[in-house]
Amino acid sequence: MKTKLISFVLILILSAPLAIAQSTDKGKTSFAILGGVNFQNLNGKDDGGNKLENDMILGFHAGVNIQIPVAPEFYFQPGLLFTTKGAKNSTSTYKLSYIELPLNFVYKGLLGNGYVMVGFGPYVGYAIATKGGDFKTFDAGGNIFAGYEMAGGIFCQLNTQFGMLNIKDSSDKSSFKNTGFGLSIGYRF
């Protein structure tokens, strides 16, 4: 499964020049820097099959993305982010730091002097630091976001993530999945 997912990601990244060449949008490829706050949690079940009783923790994310036009008002938007995730409960605090590769598809429609944005796509992540438990280094899931980009390139978006893989590294029946939402502010140039 890991090999198939990595192959899929490489195909998407390598197809970017083709997407640029076939663009029918008058827009051009653009780059952005962004950062923001995360409200993250770990959902799932403990070894006994009971629902996890975790609370959200505050984290952050920062990174870059590239926006490639693929059709009028539609874009492919891969990126690279450093992001912190985790959860806490009465006995433990879990902290995880990831390098993530989101592969989003975005609709940008003109609204006033700027653009309304709606996007979705998969992400893959690699844990570079963990605290509070034994966790797998690989994570994957889905992104959904909406926001507004002003004519000058400054944008704000609300995003959510749904982890799809069990990141708990243990032989028991527990299951931990990253979930959360965040607010990003960035600049596209």
N, C-alpha and C. Protein backbone atom coordinates (compact mmCIF):
# COMPACT_ATOMS: atom_id res chain seq x y z
N MET A 1 0.83 -1.18 0.00
CA MET A 1 0.00 0.00 0.00
C MET A 1 0.87 1.25 0.00
N LYS A 2 1.96 1.22 0.80
CA LYS A 2 2.85 2.38 0.88
C LYS A 2 3.47 2.67 -0.47
N THR A 3 3.89 1.63 -1.19
CA THR A 3 4.52 1.79 -2.50
C THR A 3 3.52 2.36 -3.50
N LYS A 4 2.28 1.89 -3.47
CA LYS A 4 1.26 2.40 -4.39
C LYS A 4 0.98 3.88 -4.13
N LEU A 5 0.91 4.28 -2.86
CA LEU A 5 0.64 5.67 -2.52
C LEU A 5 1.79 6.57 -2.94
N ILE A 6 3.01 6.14 -2.70
CA ILE A 6 4.18 6.92 -3.11
C ILE A 6 4.22 7.04 -4.62
N SER A 7 3.90 5.96 -5.34
CA SER A 7 3.86 6.01 -6.80
C SER A 7 2.80 6.98 -7.29
N PHE A 8 1.64 6.98 -6.66
CA PHE A 8 0.57 7.91 -7.02
C PHE A 8 1.01 9.36 -6.83
N VAL A 9 1.65 9.64 -5.70
CA VAL A 9 2.13 11.00 -5.43
C VAL A 9 3.16 11.43 -6.47
N LEU A 10 4.09 10.55 -6.81
CA LEU A 10 5.10 10.88 -7.81
C LEU A 10 4.48 11.14 -9.18
N ILE A 11 3.48 10.37 -9.55
CA ILE A 11 2.80 10.58 -10.84
C ILE A 11 2.13 11.95 -10.86
N LEU A 12 1.47 12.33 -9.76
CA LEU A 12 0.83 13.64 -9.70
C LEU A 12 1.84 14.77 -9.81
N ILE A 13 2.96 14.64 -9.11
CA ILE A 13 3.97 15.68 -9.16
C ILE A 13 4.60 15.77 -10.54
N LEU A 14 4.90 14.62 -11.15
CA LEU A 14 5.53 14.63 -12.46
C LEU A 14 4.58 15.06 -13.57
N SER A 15 3.27 14.99 -13.32
CA SER A 15 2.31 15.42 -14.33
C SER A 15 2.07 16.93 -14.31
N ALA A 16 2.64 17.63 -13.36
CA ALA A 16 2.46 19.08 -13.27
C ALA A 16 2.88 19.82 -14.53
N PRO A 17 4.04 19.52 -15.14
CA PRO A 17 4.39 20.22 -16.38
C PRO A 17 3.36 20.00 -17.49
N LEU A 18 2.79 18.82 -17.57
CA LEU A 18 1.75 18.54 -18.56
C LEU A 18 0.52 19.39 -18.29
N ALA A 19 0.16 19.53 -17.02
CA ALA A 19 -0.99 20.36 -16.67
C ALA A 19 -0.75 21.82 -17.05
N ILE A 20 0.48 22.29 -16.88
CA ILE A 20 0.80 23.66 -17.26
C ILE A 20 0.68 23.83 -18.77
N ALA A 21 1.22 22.87 -19.51
CA ALA A 21 1.21 22.95 -20.97
C ALA A 21 -0.20 22.91 -21.54
N GLN A 22 -1.12 22.19 -20.90
CA GLN A 22 -2.47 22.04 -21.42
C GLN A 22 -3.44 23.05 -20.81
N SER A 23 -2.94 24.01 -20.06
CA SER A 23 -3.81 24.97 -19.40
C SER A 23 -4.61 25.78 -20.40
N THR A 24 -5.90 25.91 -20.13
CA THR A 24 -6.75 26.75 -20.96
C THR A 24 -7.10 28.04 -20.23
N ASP A 25 -6.64 28.18 -18.99
CA ASP A 25 -6.91 29.37 -18.21
C ASP A 25 -5.93 30.47 -18.59
N LYS A 26 -6.40 31.70 -18.55
CA LYS A 26 -5.52 32.83 -18.82
C LYS A 26 -4.62 33.08 -17.63
N GLY A 27 -4.89 32.45 -16.51
CA GLY A 27 -4.06 32.60 -15.33
C GLY A 27 -2.72 31.93 -15.55
N LYS A 28 -1.83 32.17 -14.63
CA LYS A 28 -0.51 31.59 -14.75
C LYS A 28 -0.17 30.85 -13.46
N THR A 29 0.85 30.06 -13.53
CA THR A 29 1.32 29.36 -12.36
C THR A 29 1.78 30.38 -11.32
N SER A 30 1.40 30.16 -10.07
CA SER A 30 1.79 31.09 -9.01
C SER A 30 2.24 30.30 -7.78
N PHE A 31 2.98 30.98 -6.92
CA PHE A 31 3.50 30.38 -5.70
C PHE A 31 2.93 31.11 -4.51
N ALA A 32 2.87 30.42 -3.36
CA ALA A 32 2.37 31.04 -2.14
C ALA A 32 3.16 30.57 -0.93
N ILE A 33 3.25 31.45 0.04
CA ILE A 33 3.72 31.07 1.37
C ILE A 33 2.52 31.20 2.30
N LEU A 34 2.42 30.30 3.27
CA LEU A 34 1.28 30.33 4.17
C LEU A 34 1.64 29.78 5.52
N GLY A 35 0.85 30.13 6.49
CA GLY A 35 1.02 29.62 7.84
C GLY A 35 -0.26 29.84 8.62
N GLY A 36 -0.33 29.21 9.77
CA GLY A 36 -1.54 29.39 10.56
C GLY A 36 -1.58 28.49 11.77
N VAL A 37 -2.76 28.44 12.35
CA VAL A 37 -3.00 27.72 13.59
C VAL A 37 -3.78 26.43 13.30
N ASN A 38 -3.47 25.36 14.04
CA ASN A 38 -4.17 24.08 13.95
C ASN A 38 -4.89 23.79 15.26
N PHE A 39 -6.05 23.19 15.18
CA PHE A 39 -6.77 22.64 16.31
C PHE A 39 -6.89 21.15 16.02
N GLN A 40 -6.04 20.33 16.61
CA GLN A 40 -5.89 18.93 16.23
C GLN A 40 -6.34 17.98 17.33
N ASN A 41 -6.69 16.77 16.92
CA ASN A 41 -7.10 15.72 17.84
C ASN A 41 -6.71 14.38 17.25
N LEU A 42 -6.70 13.37 18.10
CA LEU A 42 -6.52 11.99 17.68
C LEU A 42 -7.81 11.25 18.01
N ASN A 43 -8.49 10.78 17.00
CA ASN A 43 -9.73 10.03 17.18
C ASN A 43 -9.49 8.56 16.90
N GLY A 44 -10.35 7.73 17.43
CA GLY A 44 -10.23 6.30 17.20
C GLY A 44 -10.71 5.52 18.40
N LYS A 45 -10.09 4.33 18.60
CA LYS A 45 -10.49 3.44 19.69
C LYS A 45 -9.26 2.95 20.45
N ASP A 46 -9.46 2.70 21.75
CA ASP A 46 -8.38 2.14 22.55
C ASP A 46 -8.34 0.62 22.38
N ASP A 47 -7.45 -0.05 23.08
CA ASP A 47 -7.29 -1.50 22.94
C ASP A 47 -8.56 -2.26 23.31
N GLY A 48 -9.39 -1.72 24.18
CA GLY A 48 -10.63 -2.37 24.58
C GLY A 48 -11.80 -2.11 23.64
N GLY A 49 -11.58 -1.33 22.57
CA GLY A 49 -12.64 -1.02 21.63
C GLY A 49 -13.46 0.21 22.00
N ASN A 50 -13.07 0.90 23.06
CA ASN A 50 -13.79 2.10 23.50
C ASN A 50 -13.30 3.32 22.72
N LYS A 51 -14.22 4.25 22.48
CA LYS A 51 -13.89 5.48 21.77
C LYS A 51 -12.88 6.28 22.60
N LEU A 52 -11.86 6.83 21.92
CA LEU A 52 -10.86 7.65 22.59
C LEU A 52 -11.51 8.91 23.14
N GLU A 53 -11.13 9.30 24.34
CA GLU A 53 -11.66 10.50 25.00
C GLU A 53 -10.56 11.56 25.05
N ASN A 54 -10.12 12.02 23.91
CA ASN A 54 -9.06 13.02 23.82
C ASN A 54 -9.64 14.41 23.63
N ASP A 55 -8.85 15.40 24.00
CA ASP A 55 -9.18 16.80 23.75
C ASP A 55 -8.23 17.35 22.70
N MET A 56 -8.68 18.39 22.00
CA MET A 56 -7.85 19.03 20.99
C MET A 56 -6.65 19.73 21.62
N ILE A 57 -5.57 19.84 20.81
CA ILE A 57 -4.45 20.67 21.21
C ILE A 57 -4.24 21.73 20.13
N LEU A 58 -3.57 22.78 20.52
CA LEU A 58 -3.26 23.87 19.62
C LEU A 58 -1.91 23.61 18.96
N GLY A 59 -1.85 23.75 17.66
CA GLY A 59 -0.60 23.57 16.93
C GLY A 59 -0.47 24.64 15.85
N PHE A 60 0.43 24.43 14.94
CA PHE A 60 0.61 25.40 13.85
C PHE A 60 1.08 24.68 12.59
N HIS A 61 1.02 25.40 11.49
CA HIS A 61 1.54 24.90 10.22
C HIS A 61 2.16 26.06 9.45
N ALA A 62 3.15 25.74 8.62
CA ALA A 62 3.81 26.75 7.79
C ALA A 62 4.37 26.05 6.56
N GLY A 63 4.31 26.73 5.42
CA GLY A 63 4.86 26.10 4.23
C GLY A 63 4.63 26.90 2.97
N VAL A 64 4.70 26.19 1.86
CA VAL A 64 4.57 26.79 0.53
C VAL A 64 3.66 25.92 -0.32
N ASN A 65 3.11 26.51 -1.39
CA ASN A 65 2.42 25.72 -2.40
C ASN A 65 2.58 26.38 -3.75
N ILE A 66 2.27 25.63 -4.77
CA ILE A 66 2.29 26.11 -6.14
C ILE A 66 0.89 25.90 -6.70
N GLN A 67 0.40 26.87 -7.44
CA GLN A 67 -0.94 26.78 -8.01
C GLN A 67 -0.82 26.72 -9.53
N ILE A 68 -1.25 25.61 -10.11
CA ILE A 68 -1.09 25.35 -11.55
C ILE A 68 -2.46 25.34 -12.20
N PRO A 69 -2.72 26.24 -13.17
CA PRO A 69 -4.03 26.24 -13.83
C PRO A 69 -4.20 24.98 -14.70
N VAL A 70 -5.38 24.36 -14.59
CA VAL A 70 -5.67 23.17 -15.41
C VAL A 70 -6.89 23.37 -16.29
N ALA A 71 -7.74 24.31 -15.95
CA ALA A 71 -8.95 24.65 -16.72
C ALA A 71 -9.39 26.03 -16.21
N PRO A 72 -10.25 26.71 -16.95
CA PRO A 72 -10.72 28.01 -16.44
C PRO A 72 -11.28 27.87 -15.03
N GLU A 73 -10.72 28.63 -14.10
CA GLU A 73 -11.12 28.70 -12.70
C GLU A 73 -10.77 27.46 -11.88
N PHE A 74 -10.07 26.48 -12.44
CA PHE A 74 -9.69 25.26 -11.71
C PHE A 74 -8.18 25.11 -11.71
N TYR A 75 -7.65 24.67 -10.55
CA TYR A 75 -6.21 24.60 -10.35
C TYR A 75 -5.82 23.32 -9.63
N PHE A 76 -4.59 22.87 -9.91
CA PHE A 76 -3.95 21.82 -9.13
C PHE A 76 -2.98 22.54 -8.20
N GLN A 77 -3.02 22.21 -6.90
CA GLN A 77 -2.25 22.96 -5.92
C GLN A 77 -1.48 22.03 -4.98
N PRO A 78 -0.32 21.53 -5.41
CA PRO A 78 0.53 20.76 -4.49
C PRO A 78 1.28 21.71 -3.56
N GLY A 79 1.67 21.22 -2.41
CA GLY A 79 2.40 22.05 -1.45
C GLY A 79 3.33 21.23 -0.60
N LEU A 80 4.02 21.90 0.29
CA LEU A 80 4.91 21.27 1.26
C LEU A 80 4.77 22.05 2.56
N LEU A 81 4.37 21.36 3.63
CA LEU A 81 4.08 22.01 4.91
C LEU A 81 4.81 21.33 6.05
N PHE A 82 5.18 22.12 7.05
CA PHE A 82 5.54 21.59 8.36
C PHE A 82 4.33 21.83 9.23
N THR A 83 3.84 20.79 9.92
CA THR A 83 2.63 20.92 10.72
C THR A 83 2.74 20.13 12.01
N THR A 84 2.15 20.67 13.07
CA THR A 84 2.14 19.98 14.36
C THR A 84 0.72 19.50 14.65
N LYS A 85 0.64 18.30 15.19
CA LYS A 85 -0.64 17.67 15.49
C LYS A 85 -0.56 16.98 16.84
N GLY A 86 -1.66 16.33 17.25
CA GLY A 86 -1.65 15.59 18.49
C GLY A 86 -2.98 15.67 19.21
N ALA A 87 -2.94 15.38 20.52
CA ALA A 87 -4.12 15.40 21.37
C ALA A 87 -3.67 15.31 22.82
N LYS A 88 -4.62 15.51 23.73
CA LYS A 88 -4.32 15.34 25.16
C LYS A 88 -5.53 14.73 25.84
N ASN A 89 -5.25 14.05 26.94
CA ASN A 89 -6.31 13.52 27.80
C ASN A 89 -5.85 13.63 29.25
N SER A 90 -6.58 13.03 30.16
CA SER A 90 -6.25 13.19 31.58
C SER A 90 -4.92 12.56 31.96
N THR A 91 -4.41 11.62 31.18
CA THR A 91 -3.16 10.94 31.55
C THR A 91 -2.00 11.20 30.59
N SER A 92 -2.28 11.65 29.36
CA SER A 92 -1.20 11.77 28.37
C SER A 92 -1.39 12.98 27.47
N THR A 93 -0.28 13.43 26.93
CA THR A 93 -0.30 14.44 25.87
C THR A 93 0.52 13.86 24.72
N TYR A 94 -0.08 13.86 23.54
CA TYR A 94 0.58 13.34 22.34
C TYR A 94 0.91 14.52 21.43
N LYS A 95 2.16 14.61 21.01
CA LYS A 95 2.58 15.67 20.10
C LYS A 95 3.32 15.03 18.93
N LEU A 96 2.89 15.41 17.72
CA LEU A 96 3.49 14.88 16.51
C LEU A 96 3.83 16.03 15.56
N SER A 97 4.98 15.96 14.94
CA SER A 97 5.39 16.97 13.95
C SER A 97 5.57 16.26 12.61
N TYR A 98 4.96 16.81 11.57
CA TYR A 98 4.96 16.18 10.26
C TYR A 98 5.50 17.12 9.18
N ILE A 99 6.09 16.52 8.16
CA ILE A 99 6.29 17.16 6.88
C ILE A 99 5.18 16.59 6.00
N GLU A 100 4.33 17.47 5.46
CA GLU A 100 3.17 17.01 4.68
C GLU A 100 3.23 17.51 3.25
N LEU A 101 2.69 16.68 2.38
CA LEU A 101 2.56 17.00 0.96
C LEU A 101 1.07 16.97 0.62
N PRO A 102 0.38 18.12 0.65
CA PRO A 102 -1.02 18.15 0.20
C PRO A 102 -1.09 18.25 -1.32
N LEU A 103 -2.03 17.56 -1.92
CA LEU A 103 -2.22 17.55 -3.38
C LEU A 103 -3.67 17.96 -3.65
N ASN A 104 -3.92 19.26 -3.62
CA ASN A 104 -5.28 19.76 -3.67
C ASN A 104 -5.71 20.18 -5.07
N PHE A 105 -7.02 20.11 -5.28
CA PHE A 105 -7.66 20.62 -6.49
C PHE A 105 -8.55 21.77 -6.03
N VAL A 106 -8.43 22.93 -6.71
CA VAL A 106 -9.04 24.16 -6.22
C VAL A 106 -9.91 24.79 -7.30
N TYR A 107 -11.07 25.27 -6.88
CA TYR A 107 -11.91 26.13 -7.72
C TYR A 107 -11.77 27.55 -7.18
N LYS A 108 -11.48 28.52 -8.07
CA LYS A 108 -11.38 29.93 -7.69
C LYS A 108 -12.31 30.74 -8.58
N GLY A 109 -13.37 31.25 -7.99
CA GLY A 109 -14.32 32.06 -8.73
C GLY A 109 -14.23 33.52 -8.32
N LEU A 110 -14.38 34.40 -9.29
CA LEU A 110 -14.33 35.84 -9.04
C LEU A 110 -15.47 36.26 -8.12
N LEU A 111 -15.14 37.00 -7.06
CA LEU A 111 -16.12 37.52 -6.13
C LEU A 111 -15.61 38.88 -5.65
N GLY A 112 -16.26 39.94 -6.09
CA GLY A 112 -15.78 41.28 -5.76
C GLY A 112 -14.46 41.54 -6.45
N ASN A 113 -13.49 42.06 -5.71
CA ASN A 113 -12.16 42.32 -6.25
C ASN A 113 -11.22 41.14 -6.10
N GLY A 114 -11.68 40.04 -5.52
CA GLY A 114 -10.84 38.88 -5.28
C GLY A 114 -11.50 37.60 -5.75
N TYR A 115 -11.11 36.50 -5.12
CA TYR A 115 -11.58 35.19 -5.53
C TYR A 115 -12.02 34.36 -4.32
N VAL A 116 -13.15 33.72 -4.44
CA VAL A 116 -13.56 32.73 -3.46
C VAL A 116 -12.88 31.42 -3.85
N MET A 117 -12.37 30.69 -2.86
CA MET A 117 -11.65 29.44 -3.12
C MET A 117 -12.35 28.29 -2.40
N VAL A 118 -12.47 27.17 -3.09
CA VAL A 118 -12.96 25.93 -2.49
C VAL A 118 -12.05 24.82 -3.01
N GLY A 119 -11.53 24.01 -2.11
CA GLY A 119 -10.60 22.98 -2.55
C GLY A 119 -10.69 21.70 -1.74
N PHE A 120 -10.12 20.65 -2.30
CA PHE A 120 -10.07 19.35 -1.63
C PHE A 120 -8.93 18.54 -2.23
N GLY A 121 -8.53 17.51 -1.53
CA GLY A 121 -7.51 16.62 -2.07
C GLY A 121 -6.89 15.77 -0.99
N PRO A 122 -6.04 14.84 -1.39
CA PRO A 122 -5.35 13.99 -0.42
C PRO A 122 -4.11 14.67 0.12
N TYR A 123 -3.62 14.13 1.22
CA TYR A 123 -2.31 14.54 1.73
C TYR A 123 -1.57 13.30 2.19
N VAL A 124 -0.26 13.37 2.15
CA VAL A 124 0.60 12.35 2.75
C VAL A 124 1.54 13.06 3.69
N GLY A 125 1.86 12.42 4.79
CA GLY A 125 2.72 13.05 5.79
C GLY A 125 3.74 12.08 6.33
N TYR A 126 4.88 12.65 6.74
CA TYR A 126 5.95 11.87 7.34
C TYR A 126 6.29 12.49 8.69
N ALA A 127 6.14 11.72 9.77
CA ALA A 127 6.41 12.22 11.12
C ALA A 127 7.91 12.36 11.33
N ILE A 128 8.33 13.57 11.68
CA ILE A 128 9.75 13.79 11.95
C ILE A 128 10.03 13.84 13.45
N ALA A 129 8.98 13.96 14.28
CA ALA A 129 9.12 13.93 15.73
C ALA A 129 7.80 13.50 16.35
N THR A 130 7.88 12.66 17.38
CA THR A 130 6.69 12.24 18.12
C THR A 130 7.00 12.27 19.61
N LYS A 131 5.97 12.55 20.41
CA LYS A 131 6.13 12.58 21.86
C LYS A 131 4.85 12.06 22.49
N GLY A 132 4.99 11.17 23.47
CA GLY A 132 3.83 10.70 24.21
C GLY A 132 3.33 9.32 23.82
N GLY A 133 3.96 8.67 22.87
CA GLY A 133 3.52 7.34 22.48
C GLY A 133 4.30 6.83 21.29
N ASP A 134 4.00 5.59 20.94
CA ASP A 134 4.64 4.97 19.77
C ASP A 134 3.74 5.18 18.56
N PHE A 135 4.24 5.91 17.58
CA PHE A 135 3.46 6.23 16.40
C PHE A 135 4.22 5.85 15.14
N LYS A 136 3.47 5.48 14.12
CA LYS A 136 4.05 5.19 12.82
C LYS A 136 4.50 6.51 12.19
N THR A 137 5.47 6.44 11.30
CA THR A 137 6.00 7.66 10.69
C THR A 137 5.16 8.12 9.50
N PHE A 138 4.35 7.26 8.94
CA PHE A 138 3.60 7.60 7.73
C PHE A 138 2.13 7.87 8.05
N ASP A 139 1.58 8.93 7.47
CA ASP A 139 0.17 9.26 7.62
C ASP A 139 -0.37 9.69 6.26
N ALA A 140 -1.66 9.52 6.05
CA ALA A 140 -2.32 9.97 4.82
C ALA A 140 -3.78 10.24 5.15
N GLY A 141 -4.37 11.13 4.37
CA GLY A 141 -5.77 11.46 4.59
C GLY A 141 -6.27 12.43 3.55
N GLY A 142 -7.31 13.18 3.92
CA GLY A 142 -7.92 14.11 2.99
C GLY A 142 -8.03 15.51 3.57
N ASN A 143 -7.98 16.51 2.69
CA ASN A 143 -8.13 17.92 3.03
C ASN A 143 -9.41 18.47 2.40
N ILE A 144 -10.04 19.40 3.07
CA ILE A 144 -11.12 20.20 2.49
C ILE A 144 -10.90 21.62 3.00
N PHE A 145 -11.02 22.62 2.11
CA PHE A 145 -10.85 23.99 2.57
C PHE A 145 -11.68 24.96 1.75
N ALA A 146 -11.89 26.13 2.34
CA ALA A 146 -12.59 27.23 1.68
C ALA A 146 -11.97 28.53 2.17
N GLY A 147 -11.96 29.53 1.29
CA GLY A 147 -11.36 30.78 1.70
C GLY A 147 -11.58 31.88 0.68
N TYR A 148 -10.84 32.97 0.88
CA TYR A 148 -10.95 34.13 0.00
C TYR A 148 -9.55 34.68 -0.25
N GLU A 149 -9.27 34.97 -1.54
CA GLU A 149 -7.99 35.58 -1.93
C GLU A 149 -8.26 36.98 -2.46
N MET A 150 -7.62 37.97 -1.85
CA MET A 150 -7.79 39.36 -2.29
C MET A 150 -6.99 39.61 -3.56
N ALA A 151 -7.33 40.68 -4.26
CA ALA A 151 -6.68 41.00 -5.52
C ALA A 151 -5.18 41.16 -5.37
N GLY A 152 -4.69 41.59 -4.22
CA GLY A 152 -3.26 41.77 -4.00
C GLY A 152 -2.50 40.50 -3.72
N GLY A 153 -3.20 39.36 -3.57
CA GLY A 153 -2.53 38.08 -3.33
C GLY A 153 -2.62 37.57 -1.91
N ILE A 154 -3.08 38.39 -0.96
CA ILE A 154 -3.24 37.93 0.42
C ILE A 154 -4.50 37.08 0.49
N PHE A 155 -4.40 35.93 1.17
CA PHE A 155 -5.55 35.05 1.29
C PHE A 155 -5.70 34.52 2.70
N CYS A 156 -6.91 34.08 2.98
CA CYS A 156 -7.25 33.46 4.26
C CYS A 156 -8.13 32.26 3.95
N GLN A 157 -7.88 31.14 4.63
CA GLN A 157 -8.71 29.96 4.38
C GLN A 157 -8.90 29.15 5.65
N LEU A 158 -10.05 28.52 5.74
CA LEU A 158 -10.38 27.59 6.81
C LEU A 158 -10.25 26.19 6.23
N ASN A 159 -9.46 25.34 6.88
CA ASN A 159 -9.22 24.00 6.35
C ASN A 159 -9.49 22.94 7.41
N THR A 160 -9.80 21.75 6.93
CA THR A 160 -9.99 20.60 7.82
C THR A 160 -9.30 19.39 7.23
N GLN A 161 -8.87 18.49 8.10
CA GLN A 161 -8.19 17.26 7.67
C GLN A 161 -8.82 16.05 8.34
N PHE A 162 -8.87 14.98 7.57
CA PHE A 162 -9.38 13.70 8.06
C PHE A 162 -8.31 12.64 7.81
N GLY A 163 -7.62 12.21 8.86
CA GLY A 163 -6.64 11.14 8.71
C GLY A 163 -7.34 9.83 8.41
N MET A 164 -6.77 9.07 7.49
CA MET A 164 -7.39 7.80 7.09
C MET A 164 -6.60 6.58 7.52
N LEU A 165 -5.40 6.78 8.03
CA LEU A 165 -4.57 5.66 8.44
C LEU A 165 -4.44 5.60 9.95
N ASN A 166 -4.34 4.39 10.49
CA ASN A 166 -4.05 4.19 11.90
C ASN A 166 -2.58 4.51 12.12
N ILE A 167 -2.30 5.55 12.89
CA ILE A 167 -0.91 5.95 13.10
C ILE A 167 -0.32 5.36 14.37
N LYS A 168 -1.10 4.62 15.15
CA LYS A 168 -0.61 4.01 16.39
C LYS A 168 0.26 2.81 16.05
N ASP A 169 1.47 2.80 16.55
CA ASP A 169 2.42 1.71 16.27
C ASP A 169 2.43 0.75 17.45
N SER A 170 1.50 -0.19 17.42
CA SER A 170 1.41 -1.17 18.51
C SER A 170 0.75 -2.44 17.99
N SER A 171 0.91 -3.50 18.75
CA SER A 171 0.33 -4.79 18.35
C SER A 171 -1.09 -4.97 18.88
N ASP A 172 -1.55 -4.04 19.72
CA ASP A 172 -2.92 -4.17 20.24
C ASP A 172 -3.94 -3.68 19.21
N LYS A 173 -5.19 -3.62 19.60
CA LYS A 173 -6.27 -3.27 18.67
C LYS A 173 -6.62 -1.79 18.68
N SER A 174 -5.78 -0.96 19.28
CA SER A 174 -6.08 0.47 19.33
C SER A 174 -5.91 1.09 17.94
N SER A 175 -6.60 2.19 17.74
CA SER A 175 -6.58 2.89 16.46
C SER A 175 -6.57 4.39 16.70
N PHE A 176 -5.55 5.09 16.22
CA PHE A 176 -5.43 6.53 16.37
C PHE A 176 -5.39 7.15 14.98
N LYS A 177 -6.23 8.15 14.71
CA LYS A 177 -6.24 8.85 13.43
C LYS A 177 -6.22 10.35 13.67
N ASN A 178 -5.39 11.05 12.89
CA ASN A 178 -5.31 12.51 12.98
C ASN A 178 -6.58 13.14 12.41
N THR A 179 -7.16 14.08 13.14
CA THR A 179 -8.27 14.89 12.63
C THR A 179 -8.09 16.30 13.17
N GLY A 180 -8.67 17.25 12.49
CA GLY A 180 -8.60 18.60 13.00
C GLY A 180 -8.96 19.63 11.95
N PHE A 181 -8.85 20.89 12.36
CA PHE A 181 -9.11 21.98 11.44
C PHE A 181 -8.13 23.10 11.75
N GLY A 182 -8.04 24.06 10.85
CA GLY A 182 -7.11 25.15 11.05
C GLY A 182 -7.48 26.37 10.24
N LEU A 183 -6.79 27.44 10.52
CA LEU A 183 -6.96 28.70 9.81
C LEU A 183 -5.61 29.10 9.25
N SER A 184 -5.56 29.37 7.95
CA SER A 184 -4.32 29.74 7.28
C SER A 184 -4.42 31.15 6.74
N ILE A 185 -3.30 31.86 6.78
CA ILE A 185 -3.15 33.15 6.13
C ILE A 185 -1.91 33.06 5.26
N GLY A 186 -1.99 33.60 4.06
CA GLY A 186 -0.84 33.50 3.18
C GLY A 186 -0.79 34.61 2.16
N TYR A 187 0.25 34.52 1.33
CA TYR A 187 0.45 35.49 0.26
C TYR A 187 0.82 34.76 -1.02
N ARG A 188 0.07 35.00 -2.08
CA ARG A 188 0.33 34.38 -3.38
C ARG A 188 0.99 35.40 -4.30
N PHE A 189 2.09 34.98 -4.94
CA PHE A 189 2.81 35.87 -5.86
C PHE A 189 3.16 35.16 -7.15
